[in-house]
Amino acid sequence: MKPVHVLAERADEDPVEESGENLREKLNRELIELLQEMRVVLPGIQVIFGFLLTVPFTARFAQLTSLQRSVFFVSFIAAGGAIAFLVAPTSYHRLRWRQYDKENLLRLANKFAIIGLAFFALSLIGIAFIVTDMVIETRAAIWVAAGFGLVALLLWFVLPLARRAQQEPRVTERSTFVTSVDSTGSTGTGARAEKGRRDKN
């Protein structure tokens, strides 16, 4: 039968400890993951921004109502803001080259990515409203835009935040259990659990 402290370590399921990563390897992996996520988002917002750039030069732009023009301008600004925030980590990384500041870069890039996604969602909502309003009517455009906003809110923000809220109490319970087992006689388990929690943060 395995010792209790071994079972407690496995229950904690610290991915950093299980993978054997040190801090530098962890930062490199998280930076690569971040860049891959940026590659998924950026092409979409670039296409939207390019589309919005061409709209004022089309023949039908003069036919837009005052409301449609206002929504168009908000969508255009939101698309530009999304690109600015999503590209910002790249500029930061280049200007801080070989300054060994990846930890701070990742924290800033995480915030920038979330803000960029919010601007991206706002731009999508605006485009959905304009297109639907021109094709059908304003009432339908409001419903379609609200639907886009609701889907983006649920999938991009509510779902991951709800999952995070579910996991945090479990992590706290496992950490408390490991610490209590360590106090009864096992050596080093509580310290390793504490180190794992710091690495996660």
C-alpha atoms as a PDB file:
ATOM      1  CA  MET A   1       0.000   0.000   0.000  1.00  0.00           C
ATOM      2  CA  LYS A   2       1.308   3.434  -0.952  1.00  0.00           C
ATOM      3  CA  PRO A   3       2.066   5.973   1.798  1.00  0.00           C
ATOM      4  CA  VAL A   4      -0.598   8.597   2.467  1.00  0.00           C
ATOM      5  CA  HIS A   5       1.664  11.501   1.510  1.00  0.00           C
ATOM      6  CA  VAL A   6       2.268   9.955  -1.932  1.00  0.00           C
ATOM      7  CA  LEU A   7      -1.470   9.722  -2.528  1.00  0.00           C
ATOM      8  CA  ALA A   8      -1.854  13.296  -1.354  1.00  0.00           C
ATOM      9  CA  GLU A   9       0.759  14.475  -3.848  1.00  0.00           C
ATOM     10  CA  ARG A  10      -1.073  12.747  -6.678  1.00  0.00           C
ATOM     11  CA  ALA A  11      -4.396  14.190  -5.559  1.00  0.00           C
ATOM     12  CA  ASP A  12      -2.928  17.646  -5.796  1.00  0.00           C
ATOM     13  CA  GLU A  13      -2.234  17.007  -9.511  1.00  0.00           C
ATOM     14  CA  ASP A  14       0.200  19.848  -9.969  1.00  0.00           C
ATOM     15  CA  PRO A  15       0.963  19.914 -13.732  1.00  0.00           C
ATOM     16  CA  VAL A  16       4.253  21.716 -13.189  1.00  0.00           C
ATOM     17  CA  GLU A  17       5.579  19.072 -10.828  1.00  0.00           C
ATOM     18  CA  GLU A  18       4.302  16.158 -12.915  1.00  0.00           C
ATOM     19  CA  SER A  19       5.884  17.487 -16.108  1.00  0.00           C
ATOM     20  CA  GLY A  20       9.172  18.219 -14.362  1.00  0.00           C
ATOM     21  CA  GLU A  21       9.305  21.776 -15.758  1.00  0.00           C
ATOM     22  CA  ASN A  22      11.441  24.413 -14.147  1.00  0.00           C
ATOM     23  CA  LEU A  23      10.361  28.066 -14.138  1.00  0.00           C
ATOM     24  CA  ARG A  24      12.162  28.917 -17.372  1.00  0.00           C
ATOM     25  CA  GLU A  25      10.630  25.968 -19.245  1.00  0.00           C
ATOM     26  CA  LYS A  26       7.198  26.877 -17.916  1.00  0.00           C
ATOM     27  CA  LEU A  27       7.489  30.491 -19.092  1.00  0.00           C
ATOM     28  CA  ASN A  28       8.683  29.387 -22.542  1.00  0.00           C
ATOM     29  CA  ARG A  29       5.766  26.964 -22.894  1.00  0.00           C
ATOM     30  CA  GLU A  30       3.201  29.545 -21.778  1.00  0.00           C
ATOM     31  CA  LEU A  31       4.644  32.112 -24.196  1.00  0.00           C
ATOM     32  CA  ILE A  32       4.368  29.652 -27.089  1.00  0.00           C
ATOM     33  CA  GLU A  33       0.764  28.871 -26.114  1.00  0.00           C
ATOM     34  CA  LEU A  34      -0.026  32.582 -26.013  1.00  0.00           C
ATOM     35  CA  LEU A  35       1.475  33.204 -29.451  1.00  0.00           C
ATOM     36  CA  GLN A  36      -0.511  30.304 -30.921  1.00  0.00           C
ATOM     37  CA  GLU A  37      -3.722  31.738 -29.500  1.00  0.00           C
ATOM     38  CA  MET A  38      -2.865  35.128 -30.998  1.00  0.00           C
ATOM     39  CA  ARG A  39      -2.426  33.491 -34.401  1.00  0.00           C
ATOM     40  CA  VAL A  40      -5.978  32.158 -34.143  1.00  0.00           C
ATOM     41  CA  VAL A  41      -7.567  35.508 -33.255  1.00  0.00           C
ATOM     42  CA  LEU A  42      -5.570  38.001 -35.314  1.00  0.00           C
ATOM     43  CA  PRO A  43      -6.507  36.816 -38.842  1.00  0.00           C
ATOM     44  CA  GLY A  44     -10.202  37.145 -38.034  1.00  0.00           C
ATOM     45  CA  ILE A  45      -9.974  40.671 -36.680  1.00  0.00           C
ATOM     46  CA  GLN A  46      -7.678  41.694 -39.535  1.00  0.00           C
ATOM     47  CA  VAL A  47     -10.270  40.551 -42.074  1.00  0.00           C
ATOM     48  CA  ILE A  48     -12.970  42.520 -40.256  1.00  0.00           C
ATOM     49  CA  PHE A  49     -10.781  45.622 -40.066  1.00  0.00           C
ATOM     50  CA  GLY A  50      -9.978  45.372 -43.783  1.00  0.00           C
ATOM     51  CA  PHE A  51     -13.666  45.036 -44.598  1.00  0.00           C
ATOM     52  CA  LEU A  52     -14.511  48.097 -42.503  1.00  0.00           C
ATOM     53  CA  LEU A  53     -11.781  50.084 -44.249  1.00  0.00           C
ATOM     54  CA  THR A  54     -13.368  49.489 -47.651  1.00  0.00           C
ATOM     55  CA  VAL A  55     -16.975  50.252 -46.678  1.00  0.00           C
ATOM     56  CA  PRO A  56     -16.736  54.088 -46.790  1.00  0.00           C
ATOM     57  CA  PHE A  57     -15.530  53.903 -50.394  1.00  0.00           C
ATOM     58  CA  THR A  58     -18.499  51.885 -51.642  1.00  0.00           C
ATOM     59  CA  ALA A  59     -21.493  53.415 -53.395  1.00  0.00           C
ATOM     60  CA  ARG A  60     -24.011  52.351 -50.747  1.00  0.00           C
ATOM     61  CA  PHE A  61     -22.168  54.016 -47.864  1.00  0.00           C
ATOM     62  CA  ALA A  62     -23.903  57.307 -48.666  1.00  0.00           C
ATOM     63  CA  GLN A  63     -27.238  55.558 -48.112  1.00  0.00           C
ATOM     64  CA  LEU A  64     -26.462  54.633 -44.511  1.00  0.00           C
ATOM     65  CA  THR A  65     -28.643  56.197 -41.858  1.00  0.00           C
ATOM     66  CA  SER A  66     -27.255  58.201 -38.959  1.00  0.00           C
ATOM     67  CA  LEU A  67     -27.624  55.183 -36.649  1.00  0.00           C
ATOM     68  CA  GLN A  68     -25.845  52.889 -39.082  1.00  0.00           C
ATOM     69  CA  ARG A  69     -22.982  55.341 -39.467  1.00  0.00           C
ATOM     70  CA  SER A  70     -22.591  55.606 -35.701  1.00  0.00           C
ATOM     71  CA  VAL A  71     -22.545  51.829 -35.284  1.00  0.00           C
ATOM     72  CA  PHE A  72     -20.088  51.537 -38.153  1.00  0.00           C
ATOM     73  CA  PHE A  73     -17.712  54.017 -36.543  1.00  0.00           C
ATOM     74  CA  VAL A  74     -17.891  52.226 -33.167  1.00  0.00           C
ATOM     75  CA  SER A  75     -17.188  48.901 -34.907  1.00  0.00           C
ATOM     76  CA  PHE A  76     -14.253  50.407 -36.777  1.00  0.00           C
ATOM     77  CA  ILE A  77     -12.714  51.818 -33.585  1.00  0.00           C
ATOM     78  CA  ALA A  78     -13.300  48.525 -31.762  1.00  0.00           C
ATOM     79  CA  ALA A  79     -11.596  46.528 -34.518  1.00  0.00           C
ATOM     80  CA  GLY A  80      -8.620  48.875 -34.459  1.00  0.00           C
ATOM     81  CA  GLY A  81      -8.467  48.639 -30.674  1.00  0.00           C
ATOM     82  CA  ALA A  82      -8.545  44.838 -30.813  1.00  0.00           C
ATOM     83  CA  ILE A  83      -5.604  44.764 -33.220  1.00  0.00           C
ATOM     84  CA  ALA A  84      -3.666  47.247 -31.068  1.00  0.00           C
ATOM     85  CA  PHE A  85      -4.069  45.170 -27.899  1.00  0.00           C
ATOM     86  CA  LEU A  86      -3.441  41.817 -29.594  1.00  0.00           C
ATOM     87  CA  VAL A  87      -0.268  43.044 -31.293  1.00  0.00           C
ATOM     88  CA  ALA A  88       1.021  44.850 -28.189  1.00  0.00           C
ATOM     89  CA  PRO A  89       2.704  41.738 -26.665  1.00  0.00           C
ATOM     90  CA  THR A  90       4.809  41.342 -29.815  1.00  0.00           C
ATOM     91  CA  SER A  91       6.026  44.926 -29.619  1.00  0.00           C
ATOM     92  CA  TYR A  92       6.711  44.573 -25.891  1.00  0.00           C
ATOM     93  CA  HIS A  93       8.695  41.395 -26.473  1.00  0.00           C
ATOM     94  CA  ARG A  94      10.814  42.969 -29.213  1.00  0.00           C
ATOM     95  CA  LEU A  95      11.568  46.141 -27.258  1.00  0.00           C
ATOM     96  CA  ARG A  96      12.412  44.115 -24.149  1.00  0.00           C
ATOM     97  CA  TRP A  97      14.573  41.645 -26.082  1.00  0.00           C
ATOM     98  CA  ARG A  98      17.026  39.766 -23.871  1.00  0.00           C
ATOM     99  CA  GLN A  99      15.893  41.646 -20.790  1.00  0.00           C
ATOM    100  CA  TYR A 100      14.673  38.389 -19.156  1.00  0.00           C
ATOM    101  CA  ASP A 101      11.229  39.793 -18.451  1.00  0.00           C
ATOM    102  CA  LYS A 102       9.001  36.963 -19.680  1.00  0.00           C
ATOM    103  CA  GLU A 103       7.036  36.692 -16.452  1.00  0.00           C
ATOM    104  CA  ASN A 104       5.885  40.294 -16.702  1.00  0.00           C
ATOM    105  CA  LEU A 105       5.369  39.939 -20.456  1.00  0.00           C
ATOM    106  CA  LEU A 106       3.014  36.994 -19.943  1.00  0.00           C
ATOM    107  CA  ARG A 107       0.994  38.796 -17.284  1.00  0.00           C
ATOM    108  CA  LEU A 108       0.608  41.894 -19.468  1.00  0.00           C
ATOM    109  CA  ALA A 109      -0.096  39.851 -22.596  1.00  0.00           C
ATOM    110  CA  ASN A 110      -2.826  37.940 -20.772  1.00  0.00           C
ATOM    111  CA  LYS A 111      -4.569  41.216 -19.875  1.00  0.00           C
ATOM    112  CA  PHE A 112      -4.057  42.616 -23.368  1.00  0.00           C
ATOM    113  CA  ALA A 113      -5.529  39.471 -24.950  1.00  0.00           C
ATOM    114  CA  ILE A 114      -8.659  39.665 -22.795  1.00  0.00           C
ATOM    115  CA  ILE A 115      -9.149  43.358 -23.624  1.00  0.00           C
ATOM    116  CA  GLY A 116      -8.514  42.606 -27.306  1.00  0.00           C
ATOM    117  CA  LEU A 117     -11.170  39.882 -27.271  1.00  0.00           C
ATOM    118  CA  ALA A 118     -13.651  42.318 -25.723  1.00  0.00           C
ATOM    119  CA  PHE A 119     -12.987  44.828 -28.522  1.00  0.00           C
ATOM    120  CA  PHE A 120     -13.247  41.996 -31.071  1.00  0.00           C
ATOM    121  CA  ALA A 121     -16.661  41.021 -29.698  1.00  0.00           C
ATOM    122  CA  LEU A 122     -17.854  44.635 -29.842  1.00  0.00           C
ATOM    123  CA  SER A 123     -16.757  44.881 -33.472  1.00  0.00           C
ATOM    124  CA  LEU A 124     -18.591  41.666 -34.379  1.00  0.00           C
ATOM    125  CA  ILE A 125     -21.756  42.934 -32.729  1.00  0.00           C
ATOM    126  CA  GLY A 126     -21.579  46.204 -34.658  1.00  0.00           C
ATOM    127  CA  ILE A 127     -21.029  44.505 -38.010  1.00  0.00           C
ATOM    128  CA  ALA A 128     -23.895  42.096 -37.355  1.00  0.00           C
ATOM    129  CA  PHE A 129     -26.168  45.054 -36.644  1.00  0.00           C
ATOM    130  CA  ILE A 130     -25.176  47.030 -39.757  1.00  0.00           C
ATOM    131  CA  VAL A 131     -25.488  44.116 -42.178  1.00  0.00           C
ATOM    132  CA  THR A 132     -28.815  42.929 -40.778  1.00  0.00           C
ATOM    133  CA  ASP A 133     -30.201  46.468 -40.681  1.00  0.00           C
ATOM    134  CA  MET A 134     -29.338  47.006 -44.353  1.00  0.00           C
ATOM    135  CA  VAL A 135     -30.666  43.618 -45.466  1.00  0.00           C
ATOM    136  CA  ILE A 136     -33.783  43.326 -43.292  1.00  0.00           C
ATOM    137  CA  GLU A 137     -34.765  46.003 -40.744  1.00  0.00           C
ATOM    138  CA  THR A 138     -33.629  47.694 -37.553  1.00  0.00           C
ATOM    139  CA  ARG A 139     -35.679  45.525 -35.200  1.00  0.00           C
ATOM    140  CA  ALA A 140     -34.196  42.344 -36.620  1.00  0.00           C
ATOM    141  CA  ALA A 141     -30.734  43.921 -36.519  1.00  0.00           C
ATOM    142  CA  ILE A 142     -31.096  44.551 -32.787  1.00  0.00           C
ATOM    143  CA  TRP A 143     -31.988  40.905 -32.146  1.00  0.00           C
ATOM    144  CA  VAL A 144     -29.184  39.574 -34.327  1.00  0.00           C
ATOM    145  CA  ALA A 145     -26.619  41.873 -32.714  1.00  0.00           C
ATOM    146  CA  ALA A 146     -27.854  40.869 -29.257  1.00  0.00           C
ATOM    147  CA  GLY A 147     -27.511  37.216 -30.255  1.00  0.00           C
ATOM    148  CA  PHE A 148     -23.922  37.743 -31.393  1.00  0.00           C
ATOM    149  CA  GLY A 149     -23.141  39.558 -28.170  1.00  0.00           C
ATOM    150  CA  LEU A 150     -24.717  36.859 -26.015  1.00  0.00           C
ATOM    151  CA  VAL A 151     -22.849  34.042 -27.775  1.00  0.00           C
ATOM    152  CA  ALA A 152     -19.524  35.870 -27.523  1.00  0.00           C
ATOM    153  CA  LEU A 153     -20.141  36.677 -23.857  1.00  0.00           C
ATOM    154  CA  LEU A 154     -21.022  33.093 -22.970  1.00  0.00           C
ATOM    155  CA  LEU A 155     -18.300  31.316 -24.960  1.00  0.00           C
ATOM    156  CA  TRP A 156     -15.429  33.766 -24.497  1.00  0.00           C
ATOM    157  CA  PHE A 157     -15.966  34.976 -20.930  1.00  0.00           C
ATOM    158  CA  VAL A 158     -18.712  33.306 -18.871  1.00  0.00           C
ATOM    159  CA  LEU A 159     -17.782  29.692 -19.657  1.00  0.00           C
ATOM    160  CA  PRO A 160     -14.065  29.930 -18.756  1.00  0.00           C
ATOM    161  CA  LEU A 161     -14.766  32.107 -15.693  1.00  0.00           C
ATOM    162  CA  ALA A 162     -17.407  29.657 -14.448  1.00  0.00           C
ATOM    163  CA  ARG A 163     -14.968  26.772 -14.877  1.00  0.00           C
ATOM    164  CA  ARG A 164     -12.329  28.758 -13.009  1.00  0.00           C
ATOM    165  CA  ALA A 165     -14.743  29.400 -10.144  1.00  0.00           C
ATOM    166  CA  GLN A 166     -15.479  25.663  -9.922  1.00  0.00           C
ATOM    167  CA  GLN A 167     -11.828  24.674  -9.814  1.00  0.00           C
ATOM    168  CA  GLU A 168     -10.550  27.185  -7.255  1.00  0.00           C
ATOM    169  CA  PRO A 169     -12.343  25.616  -4.226  1.00  0.00           C
ATOM    170  CA  ARG A 170     -11.038  22.156  -5.208  1.00  0.00           C
ATOM    171  CA  VAL A 171      -7.478  23.439  -5.457  1.00  0.00           C
ATOM    172  CA  THR A 172      -7.826  25.029  -2.020  1.00  0.00           C
ATOM    173  CA  GLU A 173      -9.217  21.826  -0.521  1.00  0.00           C
ATOM    174  CA  ARG A 174      -6.437  19.666  -2.008  1.00  0.00           C
ATOM    175  CA  SER A 175      -3.779  22.101  -0.837  1.00  0.00           C
ATOM    176  CA  THR A 176      -5.226  22.107   2.697  1.00  0.00           C
ATOM    177  CA  PHE A 177      -5.300  18.300   2.721  1.00  0.00           C
ATOM    178  CA  VAL A 178      -1.675  18.035   1.588  1.00  0.00           C
ATOM    179  CA  THR A 179      -0.569  20.534   4.228  1.00  0.00           C
ATOM    180  CA  SER A 180      -2.406  18.653   6.966  1.00  0.00           C
ATOM    181  CA  VAL A 181      -0.845  15.351   5.925  1.00  0.00           C
ATOM    182  CA  ASP A 182       2.579  16.987   5.958  1.00  0.00           C
ATOM    183  CA  SER A 183       2.046  18.202   9.527  1.00  0.00           C
ATOM    184  CA  THR A 184       1.330  14.645  10.681  1.00  0.00           C
ATOM    185  CA  GLY A 185       4.738  13.340   9.697  1.00  0.00           C
ATOM    186  CA  SER A 186       5.424  13.299   5.952  1.00  0.00           C
ATOM    187  CA  THR A 187       8.370  15.430   4.898  1.00  0.00           C
ATOM    188  CA  GLY A 188       8.423  18.029   2.146  1.00  0.00           C
ATOM    189  CA  THR A 189       4.871  17.508   0.839  1.00  0.00           C
ATOM    190  CA  GLY A 190       3.433  20.787   2.121  1.00  0.00           C
ATOM    191  CA  ALA A 191       6.429  22.729   0.811  1.00  0.00           C
ATOM    192  CA  ARG A 192       6.093  21.152  -2.626  1.00  0.00           C
ATOM    193  CA  ALA A 193       2.363  21.922  -2.682  1.00  0.00           C
ATOM    194  CA  GLU A 194       3.032  25.520  -1.716  1.00  0.00           C
ATOM    195  CA  LYS A 195       5.681  25.795  -4.464  1.00  0.00           C
ATOM    196  CA  GLY A 196       3.200  24.372  -6.968  1.00  0.00           C
ATOM    197  CA  ARG A 197       0.573  26.943  -5.998  1.00  0.00           C
ATOM    198  CA  ARG A 198       3.063  29.769  -6.409  1.00  0.00           C
ATOM    199  CA  ASP A 199       4.071  28.481  -9.856  1.00  0.00           C
ATOM    200  CA  LYS A 200       0.434  28.334 -10.920  1.00  0.00           C
ATOM    201  CA  ASN A 201      -0.078  31.930  -9.935  1.00  0.00           C
END
